[in-house]
PDB file of N, CA and C in Angstrom:
ATOM      1  N   MET A   1     100.810  93.545 106.517  1.00  0.00           N
ATOM      2  CA  MET A   1     100.799  95.109 106.056  1.00  0.00           C
ATOM      3  C   MET A   1     100.706  94.894 104.780  1.00  0.00           C
ATOM      4  N   GLY A   2     100.572  95.931 104.345  1.00  0.00           N
ATOM      5  CA  GLY A   2     100.541  96.506 102.662  1.00  0.00           C
ATOM      6  C   GLY A   2      98.775  96.608 102.703  1.00  0.00           C
ATOM      7  N   ASP A   3      97.989  96.100 103.908  1.00  0.00           N
ATOM      8  CA  ASP A   3      96.890  96.145 103.148  1.00  0.00           C
ATOM      9  C   ASP A   3      95.927  97.828 103.723  1.00  0.00           C
ATOM     10  N   GLY A   4      97.387  98.664 104.088  1.00  0.00           N
ATOM     11  CA  GLY A   4      96.908  99.922 104.242  1.00  0.00           C
ATOM     12  C   GLY A   4      96.684 100.086 106.312  1.00  0.00           C
ATOM     13  N   THR A   5      96.995  98.611 106.614  1.00  0.00           N
ATOM     14  CA  THR A   5      96.812  99.091 108.539  1.00  0.00           C
ATOM     15  C   THR A   5      97.404  99.941 109.001  1.00  0.00           C
ATOM     16  N   PRO A   6      97.295 100.827 109.606  1.00  0.00           N
ATOM     17  CA  PRO A   6      98.236 101.955 110.185  1.00  0.00           C
ATOM     18  C   PRO A   6      99.000 101.541 110.824  1.00  0.00           C
ATOM     19  N   ALA A   7     100.936 101.616 111.006  1.00  0.00           N
ATOM     20  CA  ALA A   7     101.473 101.207 111.986  1.00  0.00           C
ATOM     21  C   ALA A   7     102.192 101.725 112.778  1.00  0.00           C
ATOM     22  N   HIS A   8     101.931 101.279 114.248  1.00  0.00           N
ATOM     23  CA  HIS A   8     102.855 102.125 114.920  1.00  0.00           C
ATOM     24  C   HIS A   8     104.226 101.775 115.205  1.00  0.00           C
ATOM     25  N   VAL A   9     105.359 102.066 114.465  1.00  0.00           N
ATOM     26  CA  VAL A   9     106.955 102.436 114.702  1.00  0.00           C
ATOM     27  C   VAL A   9     107.513 103.133 115.229  1.00  0.00           C
ATOM     28  N   MET A  10     108.285 102.550 116.326  1.00  0.00           N
ATOM     29  CA  MET A  10     109.212 103.339 117.360  1.00  0.00           C
ATOM     30  C   MET A  10     110.901 102.697 117.118  1.00  0.00           C
ATOM     31  N   GLN A  11     111.603 103.369 117.276  1.00  0.00           N
ATOM     32  CA  GLN A  11     113.029 103.114 117.231  1.00  0.00           C
ATOM     33  C   GLN A  11     113.828 104.145 118.251  1.00  0.00           C
ATOM     34  N   GLY A  12     113.940 103.357 119.057  1.00  0.00           N
ATOM     35  CA  GLY A  12     115.314 104.054 119.978  1.00  0.00           C
ATOM     36  C   GLY A  12     116.977 103.883 120.024  1.00  0.00           C
ATOM     37  N   GLY A  13     117.717 104.726 121.145  1.00  0.00           N
ATOM     38  CA  GLY A  13     118.650 104.393 120.887  1.00  0.00           C
ATOM     39  C   GLY A  13     119.350 103.528 122.072  1.00  0.00           C
ATOM     40  N   ASN A  14     120.785 102.905 121.651  1.00  0.00           N
ATOM     41  CA  ASN A  14     120.955 102.102 122.116  1.00  0.00           C
ATOM     42  C   ASN A  14     120.804 102.144 123.943  1.00  0.00           C
ATOM     43  N   ASN A  15     120.543 101.353 124.717  1.00  0.00           N
ATOM     44  CA  ASN A  15     120.580 101.646 126.023  1.00  0.00           C
ATOM     45  C   ASN A  15     120.096 103.030 126.636  1.00  0.00           C
ATOM     46  N   ARG A  16     118.926 103.195 125.648  1.00  0.00           N
ATOM     47  CA  ARG A  16     118.573 104.730 125.956  1.00  0.00           C
ATOM     48  C   ARG A  16     119.395 106.297 125.479  1.00  0.00           C
ATOM     49  N   GLN A  17     120.503 105.756 124.710  1.00  0.00           N
ATOM     50  CA  GLN A  17     121.560 106.986 124.112  1.00  0.00           C
ATOM     51  C   GLN A  17     120.249 108.117 123.546  1.00  0.00           C
ATOM     52  N   ALA A  18     121.239 108.323 123.196  1.00  0.00           N
ATOM     53  CA  ALA A  18     120.550 109.410 122.330  1.00  0.00           C
ATOM     54  C   ALA A  18     120.947 109.227 120.924  1.00  0.00           C
ATOM     55  N   CYS A  19     119.630 109.562 120.193  1.00  0.00           N
ATOM     56  CA  CYS A  19     120.504 109.501 118.811  1.00  0.00           C
ATOM     57  C   CYS A  19     120.122 110.682 117.830  1.00  0.00           C
ATOM     58  N   PHE A  20     120.212 111.600 118.110  1.00  0.00           N
ATOM     59  CA  PHE A  20     119.785 112.971 118.052  1.00  0.00           C
ATOM     60  C   PHE A  20     120.295 114.278 118.722  1.00  0.00           C
ATOM     61  N   PHE A  21     121.231 114.822 118.426  1.00  0.00           N
ATOM     62  CA  PHE A  21     122.292 115.757 118.715  1.00  0.00           C
ATOM     63  C   PHE A  21     122.273 116.684 118.454  1.00  0.00           C
ATOM     64  N   ALA A  22     121.552 117.213 117.596  1.00  0.00           N
ATOM     65  CA  ALA A  22     121.675 118.521 116.757  1.00  0.00           C
ATOM     66  C   ALA A  22     119.917 118.782 115.886  1.00  0.00           C
ATOM     67  N   ASP A  23     119.814 119.713 115.884  1.00  0.00           N
ATOM     68  CA  ASP A  23     118.480 119.462 115.600  1.00  0.00           C
ATOM     69  C   ASP A  23     118.882 120.105 113.772  1.00  0.00           C
ATOM     70  N   ASP A  24     120.075 120.244 113.451  1.00  0.00           N
ATOM     71  CA  ASP A  24     120.572 119.334 111.962  1.00  0.00           C
ATOM     72  C   ASP A  24     120.116 117.829 112.217  1.00  0.00           C
ATOM     73  N   ASP A  25     120.121 116.964 112.711  1.00  0.00           N
ATOM     74  CA  ASP A  25     120.039 115.468 113.032  1.00  0.00           C
ATOM     75  C   ASP A  25     119.075 115.367 113.090  1.00  0.00           C
ATOM     76  N   HIS A  26     117.840 115.811 113.595  1.00  0.00           N
ATOM     77  CA  HIS A  26     116.297 115.778 113.151  1.00  0.00           C
ATOM     78  C   HIS A  26     115.852 116.355 111.828  1.00  0.00           C
ATOM     79  N   LEU A  27     117.052 117.192 111.391  1.00  0.00           N
ATOM     80  CA  LEU A  27     116.670 117.863 109.747  1.00  0.00           C
ATOM     81  C   LEU A  27     116.712 116.350 109.201  1.00  0.00           C
ATOM     82  N   PHE A  28     118.089 116.211 109.105  1.00  0.00           N
ATOM     83  CA  PHE A  28     118.630 115.216 108.359  1.00  0.00           C
ATOM     84  C   PHE A  28     117.898 113.827 108.198  1.00  0.00           C
ATOM     85  N   PHE A  29     117.302 113.669 109.380  1.00  0.00           N
ATOM     86  CA  PHE A  29     116.448 112.165 109.227  1.00  0.00           C
ATOM     87  C   PHE A  29     115.140 112.897 108.933  1.00  0.00           C
ATOM     88  N   LEU A  30     114.576 114.168 109.144  1.00  0.00           N
ATOM     89  CA  LEU A  30     112.961 114.041 108.272  1.00  0.00           C
ATOM     90  C   LEU A  30     113.415 114.204 107.004  1.00  0.00           C
ATOM     91  N   ASP A  31     114.438 114.635 106.187  1.00  0.00           N
ATOM     92  CA  ASP A  31     114.435 114.566 105.255  1.00  0.00           C
ATOM     93  C   ASP A  31     115.065 113.215 104.167  1.00  0.00           C
ATOM     94  N   CYS A  32     115.437 111.975 104.462  1.00  0.00           N
ATOM     95  CA  CYS A  32     115.447 110.700 104.418  1.00  0.00           C
ATOM     96  C   CYS A  32     114.190 109.867 104.679  1.00  0.00           C
ATOM     97  N   LEU A  33     113.800 110.514 106.239  1.00  0.00           N
ATOM     98  CA  LEU A  33     112.088 110.052 105.516  1.00  0.00           C
ATOM     99  C   LEU A  33     111.607 110.746 105.027  1.00  0.00           C
ATOM    100  N   ALA A  34     111.196 111.668 104.612  1.00  0.00           N
ATOM    101  CA  ALA A  34     109.839 112.158 103.008  1.00  0.00           C
ATOM    102  C   ALA A  34     111.088 111.313 102.231  1.00  0.00           C
ATOM    103  N   LYS A  35     111.975 111.250 101.564  1.00  0.00           N
ATOM    104  CA  LYS A  35     112.443 110.720 100.104  1.00  0.00           C
ATOM    105  C   LYS A  35     112.345 109.327 100.375  1.00  0.00           C
ATOM    106  N   ASN A  36     112.204 108.813 101.172  1.00  0.00           N
ATOM    107  CA  ASN A  36     111.834 106.890 101.856  1.00  0.00           C
ATOM    108  C   ASN A  36     110.516 106.506 101.855  1.00  0.00           C
ATOM    109  N   THR A  37     109.916 108.017 102.689  1.00  0.00           N
ATOM    110  CA  THR A  37     108.153 107.409 102.556  1.00  0.00           C
ATOM    111  C   THR A  37     108.075 107.571 101.020  1.00  0.00           C
ATOM    112  N   LYS A  38     108.620 108.266 100.085  1.00  0.00           N
ATOM    113  CA  LYS A  38     108.279 107.967  98.784  1.00  0.00           C
ATOM    114  C   LYS A  38     108.381 107.116  97.960  1.00  0.00           C
ATOM    115  N   ARG A  39     109.717 106.830  98.117  1.00  0.00           N
ATOM    116  CA  ARG A  39     110.523 105.514  97.414  1.00  0.00           C
ATOM    117  C   ARG A  39     109.383 104.585  97.886  1.00  0.00           C
ATOM    118  N   PHE A  40     109.363 104.072  99.004  1.00  0.00           N
ATOM    119  CA  PHE A  40     108.489 103.260  99.350  1.00  0.00           C
ATOM    120  C   PHE A  40     107.673 103.133  99.521  1.00  0.00           C
ATOM    121  N   GLN A  41     107.021 104.275  99.101  1.00  0.00           N
ATOM    122  CA  GLN A  41     105.489 104.417  98.520  1.00  0.00           C
ATOM    123  C   GLN A  41     104.353 104.165  99.564  1.00  0.00           C
ATOM    124  N   CYS A  42     104.777 104.631 101.408  1.00  0.00           N
ATOM    125  CA  CYS A  42     104.389 104.549 102.675  1.00  0.00           C
ATOM    126  C   CYS A  42     103.523 106.377 102.820  1.00  0.00           C
ATOM    127  N   ALA A  43     102.937 106.147 103.593  1.00  0.00           N
ATOM    128  CA  ALA A  43     102.236 107.487 103.749  1.00  0.00           C
ATOM    129  C   ALA A  43     102.660 107.677 105.664  1.00  0.00           C
ATOM    130  N   LEU A  44     103.208 109.076 105.902  1.00  0.00           N
ATOM    131  CA  LEU A  44     102.979 108.782 107.079  1.00  0.00           C
ATOM    132  C   LEU A  44     102.712 109.695 107.880  1.00  0.00           C
ATOM    133  N   HIS A  45     101.583 109.618 108.667  1.00  0.00           N
ATOM    134  CA  HIS A  45     100.944 110.501 109.203  1.00  0.00           C
ATOM    135  C   HIS A  45     100.759 110.869 110.230  1.00  0.00           C
ATOM    136  N   ALA A  46     101.661 111.117 111.401  1.00  0.00           N
ATOM    137  CA  ALA A  46     102.153 111.639 112.606  1.00  0.00           C
ATOM    138  C   ALA A  46     103.645 110.599 112.670  1.00  0.00           C
ATOM    139  N   TYR A  47     104.518 112.156 112.972  1.00  0.00           N
ATOM    140  CA  TYR A  47     106.013 111.577 113.455  1.00  0.00           C
ATOM    141  C   TYR A  47     106.086 111.784 114.976  1.00  0.00           C
ATOM    142  N   VAL A  48     106.858 111.925 115.980  1.00  0.00           N
ATOM    143  CA  VAL A  48     107.234 112.225 116.834  1.00  0.00           C
ATOM    144  C   VAL A  48     109.045 111.451 117.087  1.00  0.00           C
ATOM    145  N   LEU A  49     109.701 112.975 117.432  1.00  0.00           N
ATOM    146  CA  LEU A  49     111.090 113.278 117.423  1.00  0.00           C
ATOM    147  C   LEU A  49     111.699 113.761 118.450  1.00  0.00           C
ATOM    148  N   MET A  50     112.064 112.465 119.532  1.00  0.00           N
ATOM    149  CA  MET A  50     113.092 113.076 120.888  1.00  0.00           C
ATOM    150  C   MET A  50     113.878 112.290 121.130  1.00  0.00           C
ATOM    151  N   THR A  51     114.595 112.976 122.042  1.00  0.00           N
ATOM    152  CA  THR A  51     116.621 112.952 122.031  1.00  0.00           C
ATOM    153  C   THR A  51     116.630 111.734 121.723  1.00  0.00           C
ATOM    154  N   ASN A  52     116.456 110.504 122.194  1.00  0.00           N
ATOM    155  CA  ASN A  52     116.679 109.126 122.234  1.00  0.00           C
ATOM    156  C   ASN A  52     115.513 108.023 121.350  1.00  0.00           C
ATOM    157  N   HIS A  53     114.834 108.749 121.166  1.00  0.00           N
ATOM    158  CA  HIS A  53     113.564 107.734 120.351  1.00  0.00           C
ATOM    159  C   HIS A  53     112.737 108.213 119.440  1.00  0.00           C
ATOM    160  N   PHE A  54     112.450 107.726 118.616  1.00  0.00           N
ATOM    161  CA  PHE A  54     110.997 108.064 117.920  1.00  0.00           C
ATOM    162  C   PHE A  54     110.189 107.910 117.251  1.00  0.00           C
ATOM    163  N   HIS A  55     109.588 108.007 116.604  1.00  0.00           N
ATOM    164  CA  HIS A  55     107.676 107.079 116.546  1.00  0.00           C
ATOM    165  C   HIS A  55     107.265 107.711 115.198  1.00  0.00           C
ATOM    166  N   LEU A  56     106.945 106.840 114.164  1.00  0.00           N
ATOM    167  CA  LEU A  56     106.423 106.845 113.117  1.00  0.00           C
ATOM    168  C   LEU A  56     104.833 106.073 113.490  1.00  0.00           C
ATOM    169  N   LEU A  57     103.542 107.246 112.885  1.00  0.00           N
ATOM    170  CA  LEU A  57     102.433 106.366 112.190  1.00  0.00           C
ATOM    171  C   LEU A  57     102.436 106.542 110.967  1.00  0.00           C
ATOM    172  N   LEU A  58     102.431 105.431 110.639  1.00  0.00           N
ATOM    173  CA  LEU A  58     102.866 104.918 108.753  1.00  0.00           C
ATOM    174  C   LEU A  58     101.667 103.674 108.233  1.00  0.00           C
ATOM    175  N   THR A  59     100.656 103.912 106.948  1.00  0.00           N
ATOM    176  CA  THR A  59     100.275 102.887 106.249  1.00  0.00           C
ATOM    177  C   THR A  59     101.319 103.084 105.259  1.00  0.00           C
ATOM    178  N   SER A  60     101.454 101.041 104.299  1.00  0.00           N
ATOM    179  CA  SER A  60     102.081 100.594 103.345  1.00  0.00           C
ATOM    180  C   SER A  60     101.273 100.405 102.408  1.00  0.00           C
ATOM    181  N   GLU A  61     101.271 100.627 101.285  1.00  0.00           N
ATOM    182  CA  GLU A  61     100.961  99.617  99.922  1.00  0.00           C
ATOM    183  C   GLU A  61     102.427  99.054  99.578  1.00  0.00           C
ATOM    184  N   PHE A  62     103.048  98.971 100.476  1.00  0.00           N
ATOM    185  CA  PHE A  62     104.237  98.609  99.973  1.00  0.00           C
ATOM    186  C   PHE A  62     104.019  96.785 100.192  1.00  0.00           C
ATOM    187  N   GLY A  63     103.550  96.196 101.173  1.00  0.00           N
ATOM    188  CA  GLY A  63     103.308  94.912 101.774  1.00  0.00           C
ATOM    189  C   GLY A  63     104.344  95.179 102.991  1.00  0.00           C
ATOM    190  N   ASP A  64     105.011  94.213 103.154  1.00  0.00           N
ATOM    191  CA  ASP A  64     105.643  93.396 104.519  1.00  0.00           C
ATOM    192  C   ASP A  64     106.419  95.467 105.259  1.00  0.00           C
ATOM    193  N   LEU A  65     105.915  95.840 105.730  1.00  0.00           N
ATOM    194  CA  LEU A  65     106.469  96.930 106.459  1.00  0.00           C
ATOM    195  C   LEU A  65     107.825  96.695 107.218  1.00  0.00           C
ATOM    196  N   ALA A  66     107.812  95.748 107.384  1.00  0.00           N
ATOM    197  CA  ALA A  66     109.346  94.987 108.481  1.00  0.00           C
ATOM    198  C   ALA A  66     110.281  94.726 107.219  1.00  0.00           C
ATOM    199  N   LEU A  67     110.054  95.046 105.969  1.00  0.00           N
ATOM    200  CA  LEU A  67     110.801  95.130 105.254  1.00  0.00           C
ATOM    201  C   LEU A  67     111.627  96.514 103.977  1.00  0.00           C
ATOM    202  N   VAL A  68     110.945  97.698 104.630  1.00  0.00           N
ATOM    203  CA  VAL A  68     110.759  98.813 104.009  1.00  0.00           C
ATOM    204  C   VAL A  68     112.221  99.449 105.313  1.00  0.00           C
ATOM    205  N   PRO A  69     112.782 100.059 104.922  1.00  0.00           N
ATOM    206  CA  PRO A  69     114.122 100.072 106.109  1.00  0.00           C
ATOM    207  C   PRO A  69     113.362 102.210 105.398  1.00  0.00           C
ATOM    208  N   ILE A  70     112.625 102.311 105.994  1.00  0.00           N
ATOM    209  CA  ILE A  70     111.989 103.706 105.863  1.00  0.00           C
ATOM    210  C   ILE A  70     112.822 104.530 107.546  1.00  0.00           C
ATOM    211  N   TRP A  71     112.595 103.951 108.514  1.00  0.00           N
ATOM    212  CA  TRP A  71     112.689 104.770 109.639  1.00  0.00           C
ATOM    213  C   TRP A  71     114.677 104.154 109.952  1.00  0.00           C
ATOM    214  N   ASP A  72     115.183 103.386 109.224  1.00  0.00           N
ATOM    215  CA  ASP A  72     116.916 103.217 108.988  1.00  0.00           C
ATOM    216  C   ASP A  72     117.522 104.847 108.699  1.00  0.00           C
ATOM    217  N   TYR A  73     117.885 105.191 109.810  1.00  0.00           N
ATOM    218  CA  TYR A  73     118.344 106.813 108.962  1.00  0.00           C
ATOM    219  C   TYR A  73     119.764 106.717 108.420  1.00  0.00           C
ATOM    220  N   THR A  74     120.312 105.369 108.562  1.00  0.00           N
ATOM    221  CA  THR A  74     121.373 104.942 108.110  1.00  0.00           C
ATOM    222  C   THR A  74     121.950 104.930 106.577  1.00  0.00           C
ATOM    223  N   ALA A  75     119.779 104.375 105.974  1.00  0.00           N
ATOM    224  CA  ALA A  75     119.110 104.369 105.005  1.00  0.00           C
ATOM    225  C   ALA A  75     119.678 104.911 103.577  1.00  0.00           C
ATOM    226  N   PRO A  76     120.140 104.817 102.638  1.00  0.00           N
ATOM    227  CA  PRO A  76     120.662 105.687 101.074  1.00  0.00           C
ATOM    228  C   PRO A  76     118.809 106.809 101.484  1.00  0.00           C
ATOM    229  N   CYS A  77     118.652 108.280 100.919  1.00  0.00           N
ATOM    230  CA  CYS A  77     118.377 109.234 100.729  1.00  0.00           C
ATOM    231  C   CYS A  77     117.802 109.001  99.847  1.00  0.00           C
ATOM    232  N   GLY A  78     118.499 108.835  98.549  1.00  0.00           N
ATOM    233  CA  GLY A  78     118.004 108.619  97.371  1.00  0.00           C
ATOM    234  C   GLY A  78     117.292 107.504  96.513  1.00  0.00           C
TER     235      GLY A  78
END
């Protein structure tokens, strides 16, 4: 990646377990996502947050999207 090609990124809970338990979890994730897309020079085109997984449509000018912890809601948000 890094050439502007859109990437479909998805991640789910272990054994399909929930990764979002309350509205605040969604809001925290979206806050981190907004900060990290800016930090890692990614454009977020679409997202879907489900109880046990999420989907993102991203493009990156940063380089290899696999190296960007953009969807890791445990990553620092600052």
